[in-house]
Amino acid sequence: MNNKLNTYGFGNSAAGVTDVATRNRVLRNTYWLLAISMIPTVLGAWIGVAAGFAGLVAGSPGMSALLFLAVAFGFMFAIEKTKNSSMGVVLLLAFTFFMGLMLARILSLTLSYSNGPALIMYAFGGTAAVFGVMATIATVSKRDFSGLAKFLFVGVVLLILAGIANIWLQMPALMITLSVIAIAIFSIFILIDVQRVVNGGETNYITATLAIYLDVYNVFVNLLALLGIFGGNRD
């Protein structure tokens, strides 16, 4: 799997191995764009919480989930089509703003706890730690982890289906299990997606940023969900 966009059927990454200078440039640009993408994400999350966006989503969770998937895949398709132009960056940042809006529900729930702000910081710190460890392994390891991607993608599909089903089942144990599995899967995806850039398999920094952003986003959301379940304080 060249990246999650390709797995979903969008586009193709460069198959050949590029020179070291090109690989370093793509990796550097990817990290910069990933850092910049956090700005619209935080902005979207703040607007979503302040505007009560979570209430709109909670009103019809099933329809909201389907609408989210439709908009998200629409953005990913558009980003893939424009990845070689500045419009790709614009669409990527617009997508991260949208994803920030989608954080409104879990952030609002977390902030309802007396220790909510601390939980958010713990989730942020934990996500940063996971990213740091996986990115380091991807950079220094000689082992090729790309063979795991197909199995992980099957896991992602099952996670999506189980998550949609749990909207109606409302099983706390299933939610906890899915969050743990999601953290494991997307942590490994960080390793795979960063290594793809390091090894020269991905030469477009917009596509690389999108893939890694999705990994980081999912680790954060699921880690925050677990922290809220086990550490949320209503007092």
Foldseek 3Di string as FASTA:
>chain_A
DLFVCVVVPADFFAADFDDQVLLVVLLVLLVVLLVVLVVLLQVLLVCLQVVVVLVVCVVDVLVSLVVVVVVLVVLSNVLSVCLPHVVNSVSSSVSSNVVSNVCNNLLNLLVLFPCSVVLLVVLVVVLVVLLVVLLVCLQPPPDQPLVCVVVLVVVVVVLSVLVSVCVVVVDPVSLLVSLVSLLVSLSVQSNNLSNCSSRRVGSRSSSSNVRNSVSSSSNSSSSSVVCCVPPGHND
